[in-house]
Amino acid sequence: MSRTIHWFSCGAASAVATKLSLADNARSHEDDRIVYCETGSEHQDNERFLADCERWFGRSILRIKNPAFADTFDVWMKERYMAGHHGAPCTRELKFIPRLDFQLPSDTHVWGYTADKPDVKRAGRMVAEYPAMKQRNPLIERKLTKANVLAMLQGAGIEIPTMYKLGFHNNNCIGCVKSSSPAYWALVRQHFPREFYRIAGLARELGARLVIVGTELVDGKRRNIRAFIDEIPKDQSTKNPIAPSCDFLCQFAEQEMAA
């Protein structure tokens, strides 16, 4: 029997995608596995959220981890690199490599990409980059957005992860070096000053200018102006959180989950 791997990230989208896909597969008797890649750098409330989701799914979540690294900071220290044109080494070491070690060629992979335009593009890139991999995107199939899935979790009686309530759009590691947004880093500084200044110190040491603060014209070409995260102004504004929003599409999906 082929396996269906539900990649759970402790985010609202992956939780709802997993629940929907489990409901789909209950009719086909798939070998379902719910898998979580541990990074060691996420908010402590994620343990509570993961346990709530295990009860909601009626299944346990398998945790996998790269034993070579304790957390994202450990990766940056050992690799002497944080982020750039080649991506972030923490993603490769803590997400990509554990996934490759676990997966089989016959697996079907279930992702938590939403119907929001940026996620639809990301899902499209996954298909384009890995054409031989069997993939499913239950939220895109049902046209469910990030706001929809937040509302659906609340409707199921599951408290959303703390990072969302603090204003972050994703429940990523605390201090995601793939973000180049000053507003994002200002929000990290506001809520997690210890982590912020620890990352800022290493960024200075490695010369990693993680934020884009503007653009300039050089030889007729537009180029980003980058800065260290501790150069962000003290009055830098932060983004507003996504408000839960549910509509008739949520109702249909919720009926499927309850079936």
Protein backbone atom coordinates (compact mmCIF):
# COMPACT_ATOMS: atom_id res chain seq x y z
CA MET A 1 0.00 0.00 0.00
CA SER A 2 1.37 3.43 -0.92
CA ARG A 3 1.79 6.02 1.83
CA THR A 4 0.30 9.49 2.06
CA ILE A 5 2.61 11.84 3.94
CA HIS A 6 0.85 14.80 5.52
CA TRP A 7 3.57 17.38 6.17
CA PHE A 8 2.47 19.09 9.39
CA SER A 9 4.32 22.29 10.29
CA CYS A 10 2.41 23.42 13.41
CA GLY A 11 0.76 26.02 11.18
CA ALA A 12 -2.95 26.56 10.76
CA ALA A 13 -2.86 25.73 7.05
CA SER A 14 -1.02 22.43 7.38
CA ALA A 15 -3.35 21.41 10.22
CA VAL A 16 -6.52 21.96 8.20
CA ALA A 17 -4.95 20.44 5.07
CA THR A 18 -4.07 17.33 7.09
CA LYS A 19 -7.57 17.05 8.53
CA LEU A 20 -9.17 17.34 5.09
CA SER A 21 -6.79 14.87 3.50
CA LEU A 22 -7.32 12.34 6.28
CA ALA A 23 -11.06 12.59 5.62
CA ASP A 24 -10.45 12.01 1.90
CA ASN A 25 -8.23 9.01 2.54
CA ALA A 26 -10.61 7.40 5.03
CA ARG A 27 -12.59 6.30 1.98
CA SER A 28 -9.57 4.85 0.15
CA HIS A 29 -7.77 3.19 3.09
CA GLU A 30 -4.46 4.94 2.44
CA ASP A 31 -1.48 4.41 4.72
CA ASP A 32 -1.48 7.89 6.28
CA ARG A 33 1.55 9.34 8.05
CA ILE A 34 1.51 12.77 9.69
CA VAL A 35 5.08 14.04 9.92
CA TYR A 36 6.57 17.08 11.63
CA CYS A 37 10.14 18.31 11.06
CA GLU A 38 11.49 19.64 14.34
CA THR A 39 13.68 22.74 14.11
CA GLY A 40 14.23 23.46 17.81
CA SER A 41 13.50 27.17 17.19
CA GLU A 42 9.73 27.48 17.23
CA HIS A 43 7.48 29.04 19.87
CA GLN A 44 6.91 26.87 22.94
CA ASP A 45 3.14 27.09 22.39
CA ASN A 46 3.60 24.83 19.35
CA GLU A 47 3.81 21.85 21.71
CA ARG A 48 0.30 22.65 22.93
CA PHE A 49 -0.96 23.16 19.38
CA LEU A 50 0.58 19.90 18.17
CA ALA A 51 -1.08 17.98 21.01
CA ASP A 52 -4.45 19.63 20.24
CA CYS A 53 -4.09 18.64 16.60
CA GLU A 54 -3.24 15.04 17.49
CA ARG A 55 -6.54 14.84 19.38
CA TRP A 56 -8.37 16.49 16.47
CA PHE A 57 -6.84 14.12 13.91
CA GLY A 58 -7.30 11.07 16.14
CA ARG A 59 -3.73 10.14 15.18
CA SER A 60 -0.23 10.68 16.48
CA ILE A 61 2.26 12.94 14.71
CA LEU A 62 5.68 11.54 13.90
CA ARG A 63 8.57 13.89 14.71
CA ILE A 64 11.72 13.77 12.60
CA LYS A 65 14.89 15.77 13.14
CA ASN A 66 18.40 16.18 11.78
CA PRO A 67 20.57 14.95 14.69
CA ALA A 68 23.51 17.05 13.51
CA PHE A 69 21.92 20.35 14.62
CA ALA A 70 20.17 21.51 17.77
CA ASP A 71 18.29 24.40 16.17
CA THR A 72 18.48 27.08 13.47
CA PHE A 73 21.13 29.10 15.30
CA ASP A 74 23.30 25.99 15.50
CA VAL A 75 23.04 25.61 11.71
CA TRP A 76 24.06 29.24 11.08
CA MET A 77 27.00 28.98 13.48
CA LYS A 78 28.33 25.76 11.97
CA GLU A 79 27.65 26.73 8.35
CA ARG A 80 28.84 30.34 8.88
CA TYR A 81 25.99 31.43 6.64
CA MET A 82 22.46 32.65 7.35
CA ALA A 83 20.63 33.47 4.12
CA GLY A 84 21.17 34.78 0.62
CA HIS A 85 20.69 34.00 -3.06
CA HIS A 86 21.10 30.29 -2.34
CA GLY A 87 18.40 30.24 0.33
CA ALA A 88 18.85 29.49 4.02
CA PRO A 89 20.92 26.53 5.28
CA CYS A 90 18.50 26.00 8.18
CA THR A 91 15.74 25.11 5.71
CA ARG A 92 18.02 22.65 3.93
CA GLU A 93 19.35 20.99 7.10
CA LEU A 94 16.23 21.00 9.28
CA LYS A 95 13.41 20.61 6.76
CA PHE A 96 14.67 19.38 3.37
CA ILE A 97 17.23 16.75 4.40
CA PRO A 98 15.03 15.09 7.08
CA ARG A 99 12.21 14.96 4.54
CA LEU A 100 14.41 13.33 1.89
CA ASP A 101 15.64 10.77 4.42
CA PHE A 102 12.07 9.87 5.37
CA GLN A 103 10.21 9.85 2.07
CA LEU A 104 9.85 7.03 -0.45
CA PRO A 105 9.44 7.38 -4.24
CA SER A 106 5.92 5.96 -4.03
CA ASP A 107 4.69 8.46 -1.40
CA THR A 108 1.98 11.04 -2.00
CA HIS A 109 2.84 14.34 -0.32
CA VAL A 110 0.17 16.60 1.17
CA TRP A 111 1.10 20.27 1.57
CA GLY A 112 -0.61 23.10 3.44
CA TYR A 113 -0.48 25.68 0.64
CA THR A 114 -3.55 27.93 0.73
CA ALA A 115 -5.54 29.50 -2.10
CA ASP A 116 -3.86 32.88 -1.48
CA LYS A 117 -1.96 33.95 -4.60
CA PRO A 118 1.59 33.68 -3.13
CA ASP A 119 0.88 30.14 -1.92
CA VAL A 120 -0.64 29.10 -5.24
CA LYS A 121 2.58 30.22 -6.94
CA ARG A 122 4.68 28.31 -4.41
CA ALA A 123 2.63 25.17 -4.94
CA GLY A 124 3.07 25.56 -8.68
CA ARG A 125 6.83 25.81 -8.25
CA MET A 126 6.86 22.62 -6.17
CA VAL A 127 5.10 20.75 -8.97
CA ALA A 128 7.43 22.24 -11.58
CA GLU A 129 10.60 21.46 -9.60
CA TYR A 130 9.54 17.96 -8.57
CA PRO A 131 7.39 16.64 -11.45
CA ALA A 132 7.91 12.99 -10.50
CA MET A 133 6.65 13.56 -6.95
CA LYS A 134 2.97 12.87 -6.30
CA GLN A 135 1.58 15.97 -4.59
CA ARG A 136 -1.75 17.19 -3.25
CA ASN A 137 -2.90 20.61 -2.04
CA PRO A 138 -6.28 20.14 -0.33
CA LEU A 139 -6.68 23.83 0.53
CA ILE A 140 -6.07 25.04 -3.02
CA GLU A 141 -8.40 22.35 -4.32
CA ARG A 142 -11.12 23.77 -2.08
CA LYS A 143 -10.15 27.45 -2.59
CA LEU A 144 -9.46 27.97 1.13
CA THR A 145 -7.33 30.97 2.16
CA LYS A 146 -5.15 31.59 5.21
CA ALA A 147 -7.98 33.59 6.80
CA ASN A 148 -10.38 30.70 6.11
CA VAL A 149 -8.23 28.08 7.82
CA LEU A 150 -7.71 30.26 10.90
CA ALA A 151 -11.47 30.56 11.23
CA MET A 152 -11.93 26.82 10.68
CA LEU A 153 -9.53 26.01 13.50
CA GLN A 154 -11.41 28.32 15.82
CA GLY A 155 -14.65 26.69 14.71
CA ALA A 156 -13.19 23.30 15.65
CA GLY A 157 -12.43 24.62 19.14
CA ILE A 158 -8.66 24.68 18.63
CA GLU A 159 -6.79 27.73 19.89
CA ILE A 160 -4.60 29.15 17.13
CA PRO A 161 -0.83 29.19 17.73
CA THR A 162 0.55 32.12 19.71
CA MET A 163 2.64 33.44 16.80
CA TYR A 164 -0.52 34.29 14.84
CA LYS A 165 -1.99 36.12 17.82
CA LEU A 166 1.18 38.20 18.09
CA GLY A 167 0.73 39.38 14.52
CA PHE A 168 2.94 37.01 12.54
CA HIS A 169 1.47 35.78 9.26
CA ASN A 170 3.15 32.39 9.57
CA ASN A 171 4.00 30.16 12.51
CA ASN A 172 7.67 29.91 11.56
CA CYS A 173 10.78 29.74 13.71
CA ILE A 174 11.31 32.76 15.94
CA GLY A 175 13.48 34.92 13.73
CA CYS A 176 13.17 33.49 10.21
CA VAL A 177 16.24 34.66 8.27
CA LYS A 178 14.45 34.15 4.96
CA SER A 179 12.37 37.24 5.69
CA SER A 180 13.73 40.50 4.30
CA SER A 181 10.86 42.59 5.69
CA PRO A 182 11.74 45.36 8.20
CA ALA A 183 8.20 45.09 9.56
CA TYR A 184 8.70 41.40 10.27
CA TRP A 185 11.97 41.96 12.11
CA ALA A 186 10.48 44.86 14.04
CA LEU A 187 7.77 42.46 15.22
CA VAL A 188 10.42 39.92 16.27
CA ARG A 189 12.26 42.67 18.16
CA GLN A 190 9.05 43.73 19.89
CA HIS A 191 8.02 40.28 21.15
CA PHE A 192 11.29 38.35 21.27
CA PRO A 193 14.12 40.80 22.04
CA ARG A 194 16.50 38.11 23.31
CA GLU A 195 16.25 36.11 20.09
CA PHE A 196 16.34 39.28 17.98
CA TYR A 197 19.58 40.62 19.41
CA ARG A 198 21.21 37.20 19.40
CA ILE A 199 20.46 36.86 15.67
CA ALA A 200 21.50 40.48 15.09
CA GLY A 201 24.87 39.83 16.70
CA LEU A 202 25.58 36.81 14.53
CA ALA A 203 24.36 38.64 11.42
CA ARG A 204 26.89 41.40 12.12
CA GLU A 205 29.63 38.82 12.66
CA LEU A 206 28.83 37.09 9.35
CA GLY A 207 28.06 40.26 7.40
CA ALA A 208 24.49 39.13 6.74
CA ARG A 209 22.32 42.11 5.84
CA LEU A 210 18.97 40.39 6.08
CA VAL A 211 16.50 43.24 5.50
CA ILE A 212 15.63 45.23 2.40
CA VAL A 213 15.16 48.89 3.31
CA GLY A 214 14.77 50.37 -0.18
CA THR A 215 16.04 50.29 -3.75
CA GLU A 216 18.56 52.26 -5.78
CA LEU A 217 19.38 52.65 -9.45
CA VAL A 218 22.85 51.34 -10.37
CA ASP A 219 23.99 51.36 -14.00
CA GLY A 220 20.41 51.57 -15.15
CA LYS A 221 19.30 48.62 -13.05
CA ARG A 222 17.18 48.65 -9.89
CA ARG A 223 18.98 47.08 -6.92
CA ASN A 224 17.86 46.37 -3.37
CA ILE A 225 19.40 48.29 -0.49
CA ARG A 226 20.06 45.93 2.39
CA ALA A 227 20.73 46.55 6.07
CA PHE A 228 21.45 44.67 9.28
CA ILE A 229 18.35 43.91 11.32
CA ASP A 230 19.57 46.04 14.23
CA GLU A 231 19.59 49.05 11.89
CA ILE A 232 15.79 49.00 11.65
CA PRO A 233 14.36 52.25 13.08
CA LYS A 234 12.91 52.05 16.56
CA ASP A 235 9.58 53.35 15.23
CA GLN A 236 9.39 50.82 12.36
CA SER A 237 5.75 49.81 11.88
CA THR A 238 4.64 46.17 11.98
CA LYS A 239 2.09 44.30 9.93
CA ASN A 240 -1.42 43.60 11.14
CA PRO A 241 -2.39 39.99 11.81
CA ILE A 242 -4.65 38.12 9.42
CA ALA A 243 -8.20 38.17 10.74
CA PRO A 244 -10.08 34.86 10.60
CA SER A 245 -12.61 34.85 7.77
CA CYS A 246 -15.03 32.08 6.95
CA ASP A 247 -17.56 31.72 4.13
CA PHE A 248 -19.56 29.02 2.36
CA LEU A 249 -16.35 27.32 1.20
CA CYS A 250 -15.43 26.73 4.83
CA GLN A 251 -18.82 25.17 5.48
CA PHE A 252 -18.37 22.61 2.72
CA ALA A 253 -14.87 21.74 3.95
CA GLU A 254 -16.00 21.48 7.57
CA GLN A 255 -18.73 19.05 6.54
CA GLU A 256 -16.07 16.90 4.84
CA MET A 257 -13.90 16.90 7.97
CA ALA A 258 -16.84 15.90 10.15
CA ALA A 259 -17.96 13.09 7.83
